[in-house]
Amino acid sequence: MSAAAGAPGLFACQIGKNLGCQVIGIALTAQLQQWVDEGKPHTPFQISQGIENTLVAYRQLLTGDNIGKVLVQLD
């Protein structure tokens, strides 16, 4: 299962394991792979502070410089 650390991929891996299948999940990082191996969904996120950092946060979202969700906290 490619991208197994995402919600659909993790769900598919759990179904396969419950059916007794040999499941091989591929994830982007070692941390995400650990979640796949443990069968624990987790949504990491990154918080940027202030509206002046909105474009930086948006770029990180589009370029893959983050893992998970990108949030901008406005004061």
N, C-alpha and C. Protein backbone atom coordinates (compact mmCIF):
# COMPACT_ATOMS: atom_id res chain seq x y z
N MET A 1 0.85 -1.16 0.00
CA MET A 1 0.00 0.00 0.00
C MET A 1 0.90 1.23 0.00
N SER A 2 0.86 2.00 -1.05
CA SER A 2 1.63 3.23 -1.13
C SER A 2 0.90 4.32 -0.35
N ALA A 3 1.66 5.21 0.28
CA ALA A 3 1.11 6.29 1.11
C ALA A 3 0.24 5.71 2.22
N ALA A 4 0.75 4.69 2.88
CA ALA A 4 -0.03 3.97 3.88
C ALA A 4 -0.25 4.76 5.16
N ALA A 5 0.47 5.86 5.36
CA ALA A 5 0.30 6.62 6.60
C ALA A 5 -0.88 7.58 6.53
N GLY A 6 -1.44 7.79 5.34
CA GLY A 6 -2.64 8.61 5.23
C GLY A 6 -3.85 7.83 5.73
N ALA A 7 -4.92 8.54 5.96
CA ALA A 7 -6.11 7.89 6.53
C ALA A 7 -6.62 6.73 5.68
N PRO A 8 -6.83 6.90 4.36
CA PRO A 8 -7.32 5.76 3.56
C PRO A 8 -6.33 4.60 3.51
N GLY A 9 -5.05 4.92 3.38
CA GLY A 9 -4.04 3.86 3.31
C GLY A 9 -3.93 3.09 4.61
N LEU A 10 -3.96 3.82 5.72
CA LEU A 10 -3.89 3.16 7.03
C LEU A 10 -5.10 2.27 7.25
N PHE A 11 -6.26 2.76 6.84
CA PHE A 11 -7.49 1.98 6.96
C PHE A 11 -7.41 0.71 6.12
N ALA A 12 -6.90 0.84 4.89
CA ALA A 12 -6.76 -0.33 4.01
C ALA A 12 -5.79 -1.34 4.60
N CYS A 13 -4.71 -0.87 5.19
CA CYS A 13 -3.74 -1.78 5.83
C CYS A 13 -4.38 -2.52 7.00
N GLN A 14 -5.17 -1.82 7.79
CA GLN A 14 -5.83 -2.47 8.93
C GLN A 14 -6.82 -3.53 8.47
N ILE A 15 -7.56 -3.24 7.40
CA ILE A 15 -8.50 -4.24 6.87
C ILE A 15 -7.74 -5.47 6.41
N GLY A 16 -6.65 -5.26 5.67
CA GLY A 16 -5.84 -6.38 5.19
C GLY A 16 -5.30 -7.22 6.33
N LYS A 17 -4.79 -6.58 7.37
CA LYS A 17 -4.27 -7.31 8.53
C LYS A 17 -5.37 -8.12 9.20
N ASN A 18 -6.55 -7.52 9.33
CA ASN A 18 -7.67 -8.22 9.97
C ASN A 18 -8.14 -9.42 9.15
N LEU A 19 -7.94 -9.38 7.84
CA LEU A 19 -8.32 -10.50 6.98
C LEU A 19 -7.22 -11.55 6.88
N GLY A 20 -6.10 -11.31 7.57
CA GLY A 20 -5.02 -12.28 7.58
C GLY A 20 -4.05 -12.14 6.41
N CYS A 21 -4.13 -11.04 5.70
CA CYS A 21 -3.23 -10.82 4.55
C CYS A 21 -1.87 -10.33 5.03
N GLN A 22 -0.87 -10.59 4.21
CA GLN A 22 0.43 -9.98 4.46
C GLN A 22 0.36 -8.57 3.89
N VAL A 23 0.58 -7.58 4.76
CA VAL A 23 0.43 -6.19 4.36
C VAL A 23 1.79 -5.52 4.35
N ILE A 24 2.10 -4.86 3.26
CA ILE A 24 3.33 -4.09 3.13
C ILE A 24 2.93 -2.65 2.89
N GLY A 25 3.19 -1.79 3.86
CA GLY A 25 2.83 -0.39 3.75
C GLY A 25 4.07 0.46 3.52
N ILE A 26 3.97 1.42 2.61
CA ILE A 26 5.08 2.32 2.31
C ILE A 26 4.68 3.71 2.76
N ALA A 27 5.57 4.37 3.52
CA ALA A 27 5.30 5.72 4.00
C ALA A 27 6.50 6.61 3.70
N LEU A 28 6.28 7.92 3.74
CA LEU A 28 7.28 8.90 3.35
C LEU A 28 8.46 8.97 4.30
N THR A 29 8.21 8.88 5.60
CA THR A 29 9.30 9.01 6.58
C THR A 29 9.27 7.83 7.55
N ALA A 30 10.36 7.69 8.29
CA ALA A 30 10.44 6.62 9.28
C ALA A 30 9.37 6.79 10.35
N GLN A 31 9.08 8.04 10.73
CA GLN A 31 8.05 8.29 11.73
C GLN A 31 6.68 7.84 11.24
N LEU A 32 6.35 8.17 10.00
CA LEU A 32 5.07 7.73 9.45
C LEU A 32 5.02 6.23 9.29
N GLN A 33 6.16 5.62 8.92
CA GLN A 33 6.21 4.17 8.78
C GLN A 33 5.95 3.50 10.12
N GLN A 34 6.43 4.10 11.21
CA GLN A 34 6.19 3.55 12.54
C GLN A 34 4.69 3.55 12.84
N TRP A 35 3.99 4.60 12.46
CA TRP A 35 2.55 4.65 12.68
C TRP A 35 1.84 3.56 11.89
N VAL A 36 2.32 3.32 10.65
CA VAL A 36 1.72 2.27 9.83
C VAL A 36 1.94 0.91 10.48
N ASP A 37 3.17 0.67 10.94
CA ASP A 37 3.49 -0.62 11.55
C ASP A 37 2.67 -0.86 12.82
N GLU A 38 2.43 0.22 13.57
CA GLU A 38 1.66 0.10 14.81
C GLU A 38 0.16 0.13 14.56
N GLY A 39 -0.25 0.58 13.38
CA GLY A 39 -1.66 0.68 13.06
C GLY A 39 -2.35 1.82 13.79
N LYS A 40 -1.59 2.86 14.12
CA LYS A 40 -2.15 3.99 14.86
C LYS A 40 -2.23 5.21 13.96
N PRO A 41 -3.45 5.65 13.66
CA PRO A 41 -3.57 6.88 12.87
C PRO A 41 -3.15 8.09 13.71
N HIS A 42 -2.50 9.03 13.08
CA HIS A 42 -2.05 10.24 13.75
C HIS A 42 -1.95 11.34 12.71
N THR A 43 -2.43 12.49 13.03
CA THR A 43 -2.34 13.61 12.10
C THR A 43 -1.42 14.66 12.69
N PRO A 44 -0.19 14.70 12.21
CA PRO A 44 0.72 15.74 12.68
C PRO A 44 0.33 17.09 12.08
N PHE A 45 0.72 18.15 12.74
CA PHE A 45 0.42 19.47 12.20
C PHE A 45 1.51 20.45 12.60
N GLN A 46 1.57 21.51 11.86
CA GLN A 46 2.55 22.57 12.09
C GLN A 46 1.77 23.87 12.21
N ILE A 47 2.09 24.68 13.22
CA ILE A 47 1.40 25.95 13.41
C ILE A 47 2.38 27.09 13.16
N SER A 48 2.02 27.98 12.24
CA SER A 48 2.77 29.20 12.01
C SER A 48 2.04 30.34 12.72
N GLN A 49 2.79 31.26 13.28
CA GLN A 49 2.21 32.36 14.03
C GLN A 49 2.12 33.62 13.18
N GLY A 50 0.96 34.24 13.13
CA GLY A 50 0.78 35.54 12.50
C GLY A 50 0.46 35.50 11.02
N ILE A 51 -0.34 36.49 10.61
CA ILE A 51 -0.78 36.56 9.22
C ILE A 51 0.40 36.80 8.27
N GLU A 52 1.46 37.40 8.77
CA GLU A 52 2.63 37.66 7.92
C GLU A 52 3.33 36.37 7.48
N ASN A 53 3.04 35.26 8.13
CA ASN A 53 3.64 33.97 7.77
C ASN A 53 2.71 33.08 6.96
N THR A 54 1.60 33.62 6.51
CA THR A 54 0.61 32.85 5.76
C THR A 54 1.19 32.30 4.46
N LEU A 55 1.90 33.13 3.71
CA LEU A 55 2.46 32.67 2.43
C LEU A 55 3.54 31.61 2.63
N VAL A 56 4.33 31.75 3.68
CA VAL A 56 5.35 30.74 3.98
C VAL A 56 4.67 29.41 4.30
N ALA A 57 3.62 29.45 5.12
CA ALA A 57 2.89 28.23 5.47
C ALA A 57 2.25 27.59 4.25
N TYR A 58 1.70 28.42 3.36
CA TYR A 58 1.08 27.91 2.14
C TYR A 58 2.11 27.24 1.23
N ARG A 59 3.29 27.84 1.12
CA ARG A 59 4.36 27.25 0.32
C ARG A 59 4.78 25.90 0.89
N GLN A 60 4.88 25.81 2.21
CA GLN A 60 5.25 24.55 2.85
C GLN A 60 4.22 23.46 2.55
N LEU A 61 2.97 23.85 2.51
CA LEU A 61 1.89 22.90 2.22
C LEU A 61 2.01 22.36 0.80
N LEU A 62 2.34 23.23 -0.15
CA LEU A 62 2.39 22.84 -1.56
C LEU A 62 3.69 22.16 -1.97
N THR A 63 4.77 22.44 -1.26
CA THR A 63 6.07 21.89 -1.65
C THR A 63 6.47 20.66 -0.86
N GLY A 64 5.68 20.29 0.16
CA GLY A 64 6.01 19.11 0.95
C GLY A 64 7.05 19.36 2.02
N ASP A 65 7.27 20.63 2.38
CA ASP A 65 8.23 20.96 3.43
C ASP A 65 7.67 20.69 4.82
N ASN A 66 6.49 20.14 4.89
CA ASN A 66 5.86 19.82 6.17
C ASN A 66 5.33 18.39 6.10
N ILE A 67 4.94 17.88 7.26
CA ILE A 67 4.24 16.60 7.31
C ILE A 67 2.93 16.87 8.02
N GLY A 68 1.84 16.58 7.38
CA GLY A 68 0.54 16.78 8.00
C GLY A 68 -0.12 18.08 7.60
N LYS A 69 -0.86 18.62 8.51
CA LYS A 69 -1.63 19.83 8.26
C LYS A 69 -0.79 21.07 8.56
N VAL A 70 -1.12 22.16 7.89
CA VAL A 70 -0.47 23.45 8.13
C VAL A 70 -1.54 24.41 8.63
N LEU A 71 -1.29 24.98 9.79
CA LEU A 71 -2.22 25.93 10.39
C LEU A 71 -1.54 27.27 10.57
N VAL A 72 -2.30 28.35 10.43
CA VAL A 72 -1.79 29.69 10.71
C VAL A 72 -2.64 30.26 11.84
N GLN A 73 -1.99 30.57 12.95
CA GLN A 73 -2.70 31.13 14.09
C GLN A 73 -2.64 32.65 14.00
N LEU A 74 -3.80 33.27 13.99
CA LEU A 74 -3.88 34.72 13.92
C LEU A 74 -4.10 35.26 15.33
N ASP A 75 -3.31 36.24 15.68
CA ASP A 75 -3.42 36.82 17.04
C ASP A 75 -4.45 37.93 17.08
